[in-house]
Amino acid sequence: MRTLILTGATGLIGEEFINLFSIPRNAKLILVSRKTPPFALPTGVEVRLLQDFFDRTALCEVLKDGSEMICCIGTTIAKAGSKAAFEKTDVGIITELAEVCSALHYSGFHYVSSIKASIEGPSFYLKCKGKAEAEILSQTFKRITILRPSLLLGKRREFRFGEKFGKMLSAIFPFFFIGPLKEYRPIKAETVAKSLLYRAMSDIEDTMILESEEIKSFTTLTINF
């Protein structure tokens, strides 16, 4: 039985992942978070609270018995309060997780990034996502999954203007997301979570980087999982 560690459990994709995991699986799920999720958890799901992800000793302790990392950690510059605080979370914490998981010999690391993420990206946000990806790819894992979803569809417990606007635009002007803009079509958070779960439960040893539309296609191939 493998042990899956989920970080970012209180976010939209994290919650969807937990909902999918409620289906009987030959695996154990442990949530590592600063706070207990504000929703009911399936029986058997363990929560380990960690206030400081930069405390290596404490981080190693909560991660010590895992085998697959599902990383859904991500914030916004507005919520973080500054670019520096945003980078500390979206690059700094991901780097800590990748390094510790590698040192603990995790088999897989599965990360939710962003569409167009790149160190050479056109914005600070995308550059940070690209840096986080690079840190993960520099480590020694048998399986690496990097998902780059577009705007997410789902019932998020916190308000994000960009996602709200994207949902409205796709509903009112569906023809807008065609041709070269097709890749920006919103994607269901559940679809992203399914890909994460499939990869975390897989024995395939490879590195997979999927853009938003590729995530949708990939999930249709694993629909019966």
Protein backbone atom coordinates (compact mmCIF):
# COMPACT_ATOMS: atom_id res chain seq x y z
CA MET A 1 0.00 0.00 0.00
CA ARG A 2 1.42 3.37 -0.96
CA THR A 3 1.09 6.52 1.11
CA LEU A 4 -0.01 9.70 -0.64
CA ILE A 5 0.81 13.05 0.93
CA LEU A 6 -1.40 15.95 -0.14
CA THR A 7 -0.35 19.57 0.35
CA GLY A 8 -2.72 22.38 -0.57
CA ALA A 9 -5.67 20.35 0.69
CA THR A 10 -7.80 23.40 1.51
CA GLY A 11 -7.75 24.66 -2.09
CA LEU A 12 -10.11 23.84 -4.93
CA ILE A 13 -8.11 21.01 -6.52
CA GLY A 14 -7.03 19.67 -3.14
CA GLU A 15 -10.66 19.31 -2.06
CA GLU A 16 -11.59 17.62 -5.35
CA PHE A 17 -8.68 15.21 -4.88
CA ILE A 18 -9.94 14.27 -1.41
CA ASN A 19 -13.45 13.70 -2.78
CA LEU A 20 -12.07 11.34 -5.43
CA PHE A 21 -9.99 9.51 -2.87
CA SER A 22 -13.15 8.68 -0.89
CA ILE A 23 -13.65 5.86 -3.40
CA PRO A 24 -11.91 2.81 -1.87
CA ARG A 25 -8.23 2.83 -2.85
CA ASN A 26 -5.31 0.60 -2.01
CA ALA A 27 -3.52 3.58 -0.53
CA LYS A 28 -3.37 5.85 2.50
CA LEU A 29 -3.94 9.60 2.26
CA ILE A 30 -2.28 12.08 4.61
CA LEU A 31 -2.96 15.82 4.45
CA VAL A 32 -0.16 18.15 5.48
CA SER A 33 -1.54 21.62 6.07
CA ARG A 34 -1.35 24.70 8.27
CA LYS A 35 -5.00 24.18 9.22
CA THR A 36 -7.63 21.46 9.18
CA PRO A 37 -9.75 21.59 6.00
CA PRO A 38 -13.15 23.27 6.56
CA PHE A 39 -15.06 20.30 5.17
CA ALA A 40 -15.78 16.68 6.11
CA LEU A 41 -13.00 14.21 5.36
CA PRO A 42 -13.43 10.58 4.28
CA THR A 43 -12.85 7.97 6.96
CA GLY A 44 -9.21 7.10 7.40
CA VAL A 45 -7.77 10.33 5.96
CA GLU A 46 -5.15 11.69 8.34
CA VAL A 47 -4.35 15.36 8.92
CA ARG A 48 -0.91 16.50 10.03
CA LEU A 49 -0.66 20.18 10.92
CA LEU A 50 2.52 22.08 10.07
CA GLN A 51 2.79 25.82 10.63
CA ASP A 52 6.24 26.37 9.14
CA PHE A 53 7.12 24.60 5.89
CA PHE A 54 10.62 26.03 6.15
CA ASP A 55 11.32 24.14 9.39
CA ARG A 56 13.25 21.23 7.84
CA THR A 57 13.10 19.07 10.98
CA ALA A 58 9.33 19.43 11.31
CA LEU A 59 8.81 19.03 7.56
CA CYS A 60 10.83 15.81 7.46
CA GLU A 61 8.81 14.47 10.38
CA VAL A 62 5.39 14.97 8.75
CA LEU A 63 6.63 13.65 5.39
CA LYS A 64 8.76 10.75 6.64
CA ASP A 65 6.43 7.87 5.74
CA GLY A 66 5.10 9.11 2.39
CA SER A 67 5.81 7.75 -1.08
CA GLU A 68 3.97 10.12 -3.44
CA MET A 69 3.62 13.89 -3.10
CA ILE A 70 0.53 15.58 -4.52
CA CYS A 71 1.29 19.29 -4.39
CA CYS A 72 -1.65 21.65 -4.92
CA ILE A 73 -0.10 24.57 -3.07
CA GLY A 74 -0.68 27.90 -4.73
CA THR A 75 -1.78 31.40 -3.79
CA THR A 76 -2.20 34.77 -5.50
CA ILE A 77 -0.13 37.91 -5.19
CA ALA A 78 -3.21 39.71 -3.83
CA LYS A 79 -3.76 37.12 -1.11
CA ALA A 80 -0.05 36.81 -0.28
CA GLY A 81 0.21 40.58 0.08
CA SER A 82 3.33 41.14 -1.99
CA LYS A 83 5.43 39.62 -4.77
CA ALA A 84 8.04 38.55 -2.24
CA ALA A 85 5.46 36.75 -0.08
CA PHE A 86 3.94 35.13 -3.16
CA GLU A 87 7.33 33.83 -4.31
CA LYS A 88 8.09 32.52 -0.83
CA THR A 89 4.97 30.35 -1.06
CA ASP A 90 4.81 29.38 -4.71
CA VAL A 91 8.54 28.83 -5.18
CA GLY A 92 10.02 28.58 -1.70
CA ILE A 93 7.64 26.03 -0.23
CA ILE A 94 7.60 23.95 -3.42
CA THR A 95 11.39 23.89 -3.36
CA GLU A 96 11.40 22.72 0.26
CA LEU A 97 8.91 19.96 -0.52
CA ALA A 98 10.79 18.78 -3.60
CA GLU A 99 14.14 18.64 -1.81
CA VAL A 100 12.80 16.88 1.28
CA CYS A 101 10.70 14.39 -0.68
CA SER A 102 13.71 13.57 -2.85
CA ALA A 103 15.90 13.07 0.24
CA LEU A 104 13.22 10.79 1.70
CA HIS A 105 13.22 8.75 -1.54
CA TYR A 106 9.64 9.46 -2.61
CA SER A 107 8.74 7.66 -5.83
CA GLY A 108 6.63 10.47 -7.27
CA PHE A 109 6.05 14.22 -7.15
CA HIS A 110 2.86 15.55 -8.78
CA TYR A 111 2.44 19.32 -9.03
CA VAL A 112 -0.32 21.69 -10.16
CA SER A 113 1.34 24.59 -11.97
CA SER A 114 -0.28 27.04 -14.39
CA ILE A 115 -0.89 27.38 -18.10
CA LYS A 116 2.12 29.02 -19.82
CA ALA A 117 4.35 28.58 -16.76
CA SER A 118 7.98 29.28 -17.68
CA ILE A 119 11.08 30.80 -16.13
CA GLU A 120 11.09 33.00 -19.25
CA GLY A 121 7.36 33.71 -18.91
CA PRO A 122 5.79 37.12 -19.64
CA SER A 123 4.73 37.76 -16.04
CA PHE A 124 6.12 37.47 -12.52
CA TYR A 125 3.42 34.91 -11.69
CA LEU A 126 4.32 32.61 -14.59
CA LYS A 127 8.05 33.00 -13.95
CA CYS A 128 7.51 31.84 -10.35
CA LYS A 129 5.54 28.82 -11.52
CA GLY A 130 8.33 28.05 -13.96
CA LYS A 131 10.92 28.26 -11.17
CA ALA A 132 8.90 25.84 -9.05
CA GLU A 133 8.68 23.39 -11.95
CA ALA A 134 12.44 23.60 -12.48
CA GLU A 135 13.10 22.81 -8.83
CA ILE A 136 10.94 19.70 -9.02
CA LEU A 137 12.51 18.55 -12.28
CA SER A 138 15.99 18.89 -10.77
CA GLN A 139 15.24 16.23 -8.15
CA THR A 140 15.41 12.44 -8.44
CA PHE A 141 11.90 11.03 -8.62
CA LYS A 142 10.76 7.96 -10.55
CA ARG A 143 7.56 9.78 -11.49
CA ILE A 144 7.08 13.49 -12.03
CA THR A 145 3.80 15.06 -13.09
CA ILE A 146 3.42 18.75 -13.88
CA LEU A 147 -0.07 19.91 -14.79
CA ARG A 148 -0.62 23.34 -16.30
CA PRO A 149 -4.36 24.03 -16.12
CA SER A 150 -6.09 27.13 -17.41
CA LEU A 151 -8.86 28.84 -15.41
CA LEU A 152 -10.39 26.36 -12.99
CA LEU A 153 -14.06 25.50 -12.79
CA GLY A 154 -15.45 24.44 -9.42
CA LYS A 155 -16.86 25.74 -6.16
CA ARG A 156 -13.86 27.45 -4.61
CA ARG A 157 -14.26 28.46 -0.98
CA GLU A 158 -12.34 31.68 -1.57
CA PHE A 159 -13.08 34.37 -4.16
CA ARG A 160 -10.64 34.79 -7.05
CA PHE A 161 -11.62 37.53 -9.49
CA GLY A 162 -9.65 36.10 -12.44
CA GLU A 163 -11.36 32.74 -12.24
CA LYS A 164 -14.78 34.33 -11.72
CA PHE A 165 -14.30 36.55 -14.76
CA GLY A 166 -13.08 33.62 -16.86
CA LYS A 167 -16.13 31.55 -15.95
CA MET A 168 -18.46 34.40 -16.90
CA LEU A 169 -16.65 34.97 -20.18
CA SER A 170 -16.76 31.29 -21.15
CA ALA A 171 -20.45 31.09 -20.33
CA ILE A 172 -21.47 34.25 -22.18
CA PHE A 173 -19.02 34.02 -25.11
CA PRO A 174 -18.13 30.33 -25.58
CA PHE A 175 -17.01 31.10 -29.17
CA PHE A 176 -14.20 33.24 -27.72
CA PHE A 177 -12.23 30.11 -26.74
CA ILE A 178 -11.66 28.70 -30.23
CA GLY A 179 -8.72 28.61 -32.61
CA PRO A 180 -5.50 29.86 -30.98
CA LEU A 181 -7.41 30.66 -27.76
CA LYS A 182 -8.70 27.10 -27.36
CA GLU A 183 -5.91 26.27 -24.93
CA TYR A 184 -7.27 28.88 -22.53
CA ARG A 185 -10.67 27.22 -22.16
CA PRO A 186 -11.57 26.74 -18.48
CA ILE A 187 -11.03 23.26 -17.07
CA LYS A 188 -12.85 21.48 -14.25
CA ALA A 189 -10.86 21.17 -11.04
CA GLU A 190 -12.14 17.61 -10.80
CA THR A 191 -10.49 16.81 -14.15
CA VAL A 192 -7.14 18.02 -12.83
CA ALA A 193 -7.60 16.05 -9.60
CA LYS A 194 -8.34 12.86 -11.55
CA SER A 195 -5.08 13.17 -13.44
CA LEU A 196 -3.19 13.69 -10.19
CA LEU A 197 -4.76 10.64 -8.58
CA TYR A 198 -4.16 8.42 -11.58
CA ARG A 199 -0.50 9.42 -11.74
CA ALA A 200 0.01 9.03 -7.98
CA MET A 201 -1.40 5.50 -8.13
CA SER A 202 0.49 4.54 -11.29
CA ASP A 203 3.63 2.41 -11.47
CA ILE A 204 4.81 4.16 -14.64
CA GLU A 205 8.23 5.75 -14.21
CA ASP A 206 8.48 8.88 -16.35
CA THR A 207 8.14 12.65 -16.43
CA MET A 208 4.86 14.03 -17.75
CA ILE A 209 4.12 17.71 -18.37
CA LEU A 210 0.57 18.38 -19.55
CA GLU A 211 -0.96 21.64 -20.77
CA SER A 212 -4.61 22.35 -20.00
CA GLU A 213 -6.19 20.76 -23.07
CA GLU A 214 -3.84 17.78 -22.75
CA ILE A 215 -5.04 17.24 -19.18
CA LYS A 216 -8.59 16.87 -20.50
CA SER A 217 -7.51 14.33 -23.11
CA PHE A 218 -5.39 12.43 -20.59
CA THR A 219 -8.28 12.21 -18.12
CA THR A 220 -10.61 10.73 -20.75
CA LEU A 221 -8.11 7.88 -21.17
CA THR A 222 -8.24 7.17 -17.43
CA ILE A 223 -11.97 7.71 -16.96
CA ASN A 224 -12.57 4.24 -15.50
CA PHE A 225 -9.76 4.54 -12.97
